[in-house]
Amino acid sequence: MRIHPTAVLHPSLELPPDLEVGPYAILDQDVGLAPGIRIGPFSHVYPGVRLEAGVRLEDGVILGNAPQDMKYRGEKTGVRIGAGTHLREYVTVNRGTAASGWTTVGSHCLIMAYTHVAHDCHLEDQAIVANGVHMGGHVRIGKAAVISGMTGIHQYVVIGAGAFIGGGLRVDKDVLPFSKALGDPLRYAGLNEMGLSKSGLPAGTGADLKAFYRGLFRDGKEATLAKAEALGSGAINLVLKDFFGSQKRGVLMRPSGGIE
């Protein structure tokens, strides 16, 4: 165990034997600490935070402070950070509200410097969020999605698994799984082939998705979902059902004239 003498740890905490805590870090009461955690200098971990094995916090990370939500009345909520996730310098993650109870970041995510994860956001495993991304409350980011730097994400937006969002943009619509969202104003810009290649989904999934999305843009959501069973009951159908079951802001569409 390596605890810098200037760090402040609440005496009630159960400390794993390999914990590392840097100078002037603060760990409040009711913080869950698994093995292999490193907490950098000047970080502050508030009550109700749960850190799974191998989490790394770089300098100045703040986890679990009060949500920036006028409806919050001090209810007991928290933050969960999944195993192997790395939060870079000055990331902030607010605790949840009564709406969900938790703000969660999945396992093996990389959240880069100065990113803000607001109350009740849920990031699934292997998400990559680049520098200076700011999220409103209740944002949901799917497995292995990539968000480029300096992008703002409107509250309640859902970004599908394996999607790619360009940098310096404003995301105010839900982004389809394994798609690219580019340009200002933001638009659907085709499939994210790299995301598909990393997903482990069967060969031919890209062609199925293209056909599904063409139908979506042509016929609308309800008519296309009625035909979704043609994709079978495999992993991609589950991904689509999960996305359409949670999306609220309206699907980001392609511009007239079309992009595949």
Protein backbone atom coordinates (compact mmCIF):
# COMPACT_ATOMS: atom_id res chain seq x y z
CA MET A 1 0.00 0.00 0.00
CA ARG A 2 1.32 3.41 -0.97
CA ILE A 3 -0.57 6.29 0.65
CA HIS A 4 1.04 9.72 0.45
CA PRO A 5 1.19 11.37 3.90
CA THR A 6 -0.75 14.42 2.66
CA ALA A 7 -3.70 12.32 1.41
CA VAL A 8 -6.87 12.31 3.54
CA LEU A 9 -8.69 8.96 3.87
CA HIS A 10 -11.75 8.48 6.05
CA PRO A 11 -10.86 6.08 8.89
CA SER A 12 -13.87 3.86 8.23
CA LEU A 13 -12.66 2.82 4.75
CA GLU A 14 -11.56 -0.75 4.03
CA LEU A 15 -8.30 -0.34 2.10
CA PRO A 16 -7.01 -3.03 -0.26
CA PRO A 17 -3.34 -3.88 0.35
CA ASP A 18 -2.17 -2.64 -3.08
CA LEU A 19 -3.99 0.71 -3.02
CA GLU A 20 -2.03 3.74 -4.28
CA VAL A 21 -3.14 7.26 -3.31
CA GLY A 22 -1.24 10.37 -4.41
CA PRO A 23 -0.57 13.69 -2.66
CA TYR A 24 -3.53 15.71 -1.38
CA ALA A 25 -6.13 13.23 -2.61
CA ILE A 26 -9.32 12.92 -0.52
CA LEU A 27 -11.35 9.74 -0.04
CA ASP A 28 -14.57 10.26 1.93
CA GLN A 29 -16.54 7.69 3.89
CA ASP A 30 -18.68 5.07 2.11
CA VAL A 31 -16.28 4.59 -0.80
CA GLY A 32 -15.90 1.06 -2.17
CA LEU A 33 -12.33 0.14 -3.13
CA ALA A 34 -11.36 -3.05 -4.98
CA PRO A 35 -7.78 -4.29 -5.51
CA GLY A 36 -5.38 -2.64 -7.95
CA ILE A 37 -6.72 0.93 -7.71
CA ARG A 38 -4.54 4.00 -8.26
CA ILE A 39 -5.81 7.43 -7.23
CA GLY A 40 -3.80 10.39 -8.46
CA PRO A 41 -2.85 13.65 -6.74
CA PHE A 42 -5.59 16.13 -5.81
CA SER A 43 -8.41 13.73 -6.70
CA HIS A 44 -11.56 13.77 -4.57
CA VAL A 45 -13.77 10.69 -4.20
CA TYR A 46 -17.07 11.51 -2.50
CA PRO A 47 -19.36 9.17 -0.49
CA GLY A 48 -21.30 6.61 -2.49
CA VAL A 49 -18.61 5.92 -5.10
CA ARG A 50 -17.75 2.32 -6.00
CA LEU A 51 -14.45 1.63 -7.76
CA GLU A 52 -13.91 -1.83 -9.23
CA ALA A 53 -10.58 -3.59 -9.68
CA GLY A 54 -7.80 -1.85 -11.54
CA VAL A 55 -9.45 1.58 -11.84
CA ARG A 56 -6.95 4.40 -12.43
CA LEU A 57 -7.68 8.03 -11.61
CA GLU A 58 -5.16 10.59 -12.81
CA ASP A 59 -4.60 14.03 -11.25
CA GLY A 60 -7.60 16.06 -10.11
CA VAL A 61 -10.39 13.57 -10.89
CA ILE A 62 -13.61 14.32 -8.96
CA LEU A 63 -16.11 11.49 -8.51
CA GLY A 64 -19.52 11.52 -6.88
CA ASN A 65 -20.07 15.17 -6.06
CA ALA A 66 -23.64 16.49 -6.15
CA PRO A 67 -25.46 16.51 -9.50
CA GLN A 68 -26.01 19.83 -11.23
CA ASP A 69 -29.76 19.26 -11.23
CA MET A 70 -32.32 21.56 -9.60
CA LYS A 71 -34.45 18.52 -8.67
CA TYR A 72 -31.74 16.96 -6.52
CA ARG A 73 -32.64 17.06 -2.83
CA GLY A 74 -29.68 15.29 -1.29
CA GLU A 75 -31.00 11.75 -1.73
CA LYS A 76 -28.47 8.94 -1.30
CA THR A 77 -27.13 8.08 -4.75
CA GLY A 78 -23.76 7.12 -6.17
CA VAL A 79 -21.24 6.49 -8.92
CA ARG A 80 -19.91 3.16 -10.20
CA ILE A 81 -16.67 2.89 -12.19
CA GLY A 82 -16.04 -0.50 -13.83
CA ALA A 83 -12.95 -2.66 -13.70
CA GLY A 84 -9.90 -1.50 -15.62
CA THR A 85 -11.32 1.90 -16.52
CA HIS A 86 -8.90 4.81 -16.80
CA LEU A 87 -10.03 8.37 -16.02
CA ARG A 88 -7.55 10.99 -17.13
CA GLU A 89 -6.77 14.40 -15.64
CA TYR A 90 -9.62 16.54 -14.25
CA VAL A 91 -12.47 14.26 -15.30
CA THR A 92 -15.66 14.92 -13.30
CA VAL A 93 -18.42 12.34 -12.74
CA ASN A 94 -21.50 13.53 -10.80
CA ARG A 95 -23.56 11.16 -8.69
CA GLY A 96 -27.01 10.06 -9.87
CA THR A 97 -30.38 11.42 -8.84
CA ALA A 98 -33.55 9.66 -7.72
CA ALA A 99 -34.29 9.01 -11.41
CA SER A 100 -31.85 6.10 -11.57
CA GLY A 101 -29.80 6.28 -8.39
CA TRP A 102 -26.46 5.86 -10.15
CA THR A 103 -24.13 7.33 -12.68
CA THR A 104 -22.15 4.46 -14.20
CA VAL A 105 -19.04 4.03 -16.30
CA GLY A 106 -18.45 0.48 -17.51
CA SER A 107 -15.34 -1.68 -17.58
CA HIS A 108 -12.21 -0.95 -19.63
CA CYS A 109 -13.33 2.51 -20.67
CA LEU A 110 -10.97 5.41 -21.39
CA ILE A 111 -12.30 8.81 -20.35
CA MET A 112 -9.84 11.52 -21.39
CA ALA A 113 -8.92 14.80 -19.73
CA TYR A 114 -11.49 17.45 -18.79
CA THR A 115 -14.50 15.31 -19.72
CA HIS A 116 -17.69 15.82 -17.70
CA VAL A 117 -20.05 12.88 -17.09
CA ALA A 118 -23.29 14.28 -15.68
CA HIS A 119 -25.85 12.75 -13.32
CA ASP A 120 -27.57 9.51 -14.36
CA CYS A 121 -25.34 8.98 -17.40
CA HIS A 122 -24.57 5.35 -18.26
CA LEU A 123 -21.47 4.45 -20.28
CA GLU A 124 -21.15 0.82 -21.27
CA ASP A 125 -17.95 -1.23 -21.43
CA GLN A 126 -15.01 -0.19 -23.64
CA ALA A 127 -16.36 3.27 -24.43
CA ILE A 128 -13.72 5.82 -25.43
CA VAL A 129 -14.47 9.48 -24.70
CA ALA A 130 -11.86 11.99 -25.84
CA ASN A 131 -10.73 15.24 -24.24
CA GLY A 132 -13.22 17.92 -23.26
CA VAL A 133 -16.46 16.05 -24.00
CA HIS A 134 -19.36 17.41 -21.91
CA MET A 135 -22.52 15.38 -21.33
CA GLY A 136 -25.90 16.51 -20.08
CA GLY A 137 -27.80 14.31 -17.64
CA HIS A 138 -29.17 10.87 -18.52
CA VAL A 139 -26.92 10.35 -21.56
CA ARG A 140 -26.36 6.73 -22.52
CA ILE A 141 -23.30 5.61 -24.49
CA GLY A 142 -23.22 2.07 -25.89
CA LYS A 143 -20.48 -0.52 -25.75
CA ALA A 144 -17.25 0.43 -27.55
CA ALA A 145 -18.64 3.72 -28.86
CA VAL A 146 -16.04 6.43 -29.59
CA ILE A 147 -16.71 10.13 -28.91
CA SER A 148 -14.16 12.56 -30.34
CA GLY A 149 -12.89 15.58 -28.42
CA MET A 150 -14.64 18.87 -27.60
CA THR A 151 -18.10 17.49 -28.38
CA GLY A 152 -21.22 18.37 -26.39
CA ILE A 153 -23.95 15.78 -25.82
CA HIS A 154 -27.51 16.91 -25.03
CA GLN A 155 -29.31 15.39 -22.06
CA TYR A 156 -31.13 12.09 -22.69
CA VAL A 157 -29.21 11.38 -25.91
CA VAL A 158 -28.54 7.69 -26.63
CA ILE A 159 -25.43 6.76 -28.62
CA GLY A 160 -25.55 3.21 -29.92
CA ALA A 161 -22.93 0.51 -29.50
CA GLY A 162 -19.93 0.83 -31.79
CA ALA A 163 -20.88 4.32 -33.00
CA PHE A 164 -18.34 7.04 -33.84
CA ILE A 165 -18.95 10.74 -33.15
CA GLY A 166 -16.75 13.40 -34.74
CA GLY A 167 -14.99 16.15 -32.80
CA GLY A 168 -16.14 19.63 -31.88
CA LEU A 169 -19.79 18.82 -32.59
CA ARG A 170 -23.20 19.11 -30.89
CA VAL A 171 -25.08 15.84 -30.45
CA ASP A 172 -28.80 16.45 -29.90
CA LYS A 173 -30.23 13.31 -31.57
CA ASP A 174 -29.83 9.62 -30.87
CA VAL A 175 -27.02 8.03 -32.88
CA LEU A 176 -27.60 4.61 -34.46
CA PRO A 177 -25.45 1.63 -33.45
CA PHE A 178 -22.30 1.15 -35.55
CA SER A 179 -22.89 4.40 -37.41
CA LYS A 180 -20.82 7.55 -37.88
CA ALA A 181 -22.13 10.99 -36.92
CA LEU A 182 -20.26 13.89 -38.57
CA GLY A 183 -20.67 17.48 -39.70
CA ASP A 184 -22.36 20.62 -38.51
CA PRO A 185 -25.30 20.28 -38.35
CA LEU A 186 -24.72 16.70 -37.28
CA ARG A 187 -25.77 14.00 -39.75
CA TYR A 188 -25.66 10.24 -40.22
CA ALA A 189 -22.53 9.57 -42.31
CA GLY A 190 -22.63 5.84 -42.99
CA LEU A 191 -21.52 2.78 -41.08
CA ASN A 192 -18.57 2.77 -38.73
CA GLU A 193 -16.71 -0.08 -40.37
CA MET A 194 -13.94 0.01 -37.75
CA GLY A 195 -16.47 -0.38 -34.97
CA LEU A 196 -18.06 -3.30 -36.78
CA SER A 197 -14.70 -4.98 -37.34
CA LYS A 198 -13.95 -4.84 -33.60
CA SER A 199 -17.38 -6.03 -32.53
CA GLY A 200 -16.97 -9.72 -33.31
CA LEU A 201 -20.33 -9.75 -35.09
CA PRO A 202 -20.76 -12.21 -37.98
CA ALA A 203 -19.69 -11.43 -41.54
CA GLY A 204 -22.51 -9.82 -43.44
CA THR A 205 -23.71 -7.77 -40.46
CA GLY A 206 -22.70 -4.55 -42.23
CA ALA A 207 -24.87 -5.35 -45.25
CA ASP A 208 -27.80 -6.20 -42.99
CA LEU A 209 -27.40 -2.95 -41.10
CA LYS A 210 -27.21 -0.90 -44.30
CA ALA A 211 -30.44 -2.45 -45.52
CA PHE A 212 -32.10 -1.85 -42.16
CA TYR A 213 -31.00 1.79 -42.05
CA ARG A 214 -32.12 2.43 -45.64
CA GLY A 215 -35.56 1.20 -44.64
CA LEU A 216 -35.50 3.34 -41.53
CA PHE A 217 -34.71 6.50 -43.51
CA ARG A 218 -37.24 5.64 -46.23
CA ASP A 219 -40.17 4.21 -44.32
CA GLY A 220 -39.77 5.54 -40.77
CA LYS A 221 -39.16 3.92 -37.43
CA GLU A 222 -42.34 1.93 -36.84
CA ALA A 223 -42.54 0.37 -40.30
CA THR A 224 -38.88 -0.58 -40.23
CA LEU A 225 -38.97 -2.09 -36.76
CA ALA A 226 -41.87 -4.24 -37.85
CA LYS A 227 -39.50 -5.78 -40.41
CA ALA A 228 -36.57 -6.13 -38.02
CA GLU A 229 -37.22 -9.81 -37.40
CA ALA A 230 -35.66 -10.43 -40.82
CA LEU A 231 -32.32 -9.86 -39.13
CA GLY A 232 -32.96 -12.87 -36.92
CA SER A 233 -32.48 -13.16 -33.18
CA GLY A 234 -28.71 -12.75 -33.18
CA ALA A 235 -26.50 -10.21 -31.47
CA ILE A 236 -27.16 -7.34 -33.87
CA ASN A 237 -30.92 -7.64 -33.43
CA LEU A 238 -30.43 -7.47 -29.68
CA VAL A 239 -28.29 -4.36 -30.11
CA LEU A 240 -30.98 -2.70 -32.23
CA LYS A 241 -33.79 -3.66 -29.86
CA ASP A 242 -31.81 -2.26 -26.93
CA PHE A 243 -31.17 0.99 -28.80
CA PHE A 244 -34.73 1.55 -30.00
CA GLY A 245 -36.09 0.54 -26.61
CA SER A 246 -34.15 3.33 -24.90
CA GLN A 247 -33.83 6.16 -27.45
CA LYS A 248 -35.85 9.29 -26.73
CA ARG A 249 -34.46 12.24 -28.68
CA GLY A 250 -35.27 11.03 -32.20
CA VAL A 251 -32.88 9.20 -34.49
CA LEU A 252 -30.15 11.15 -36.26
CA MET A 253 -31.01 10.87 -39.96
CA ARG A 254 -28.97 11.19 -43.14
CA PRO A 255 -29.26 14.36 -45.23
CA SER A 256 -31.59 14.41 -48.21
CA GLY A 257 -29.73 13.01 -51.19
CA GLY A 258 -28.34 10.30 -48.98
CA ILE A 259 -25.15 8.90 -47.54
CA GLU A 260 -24.85 5.15 -47.32
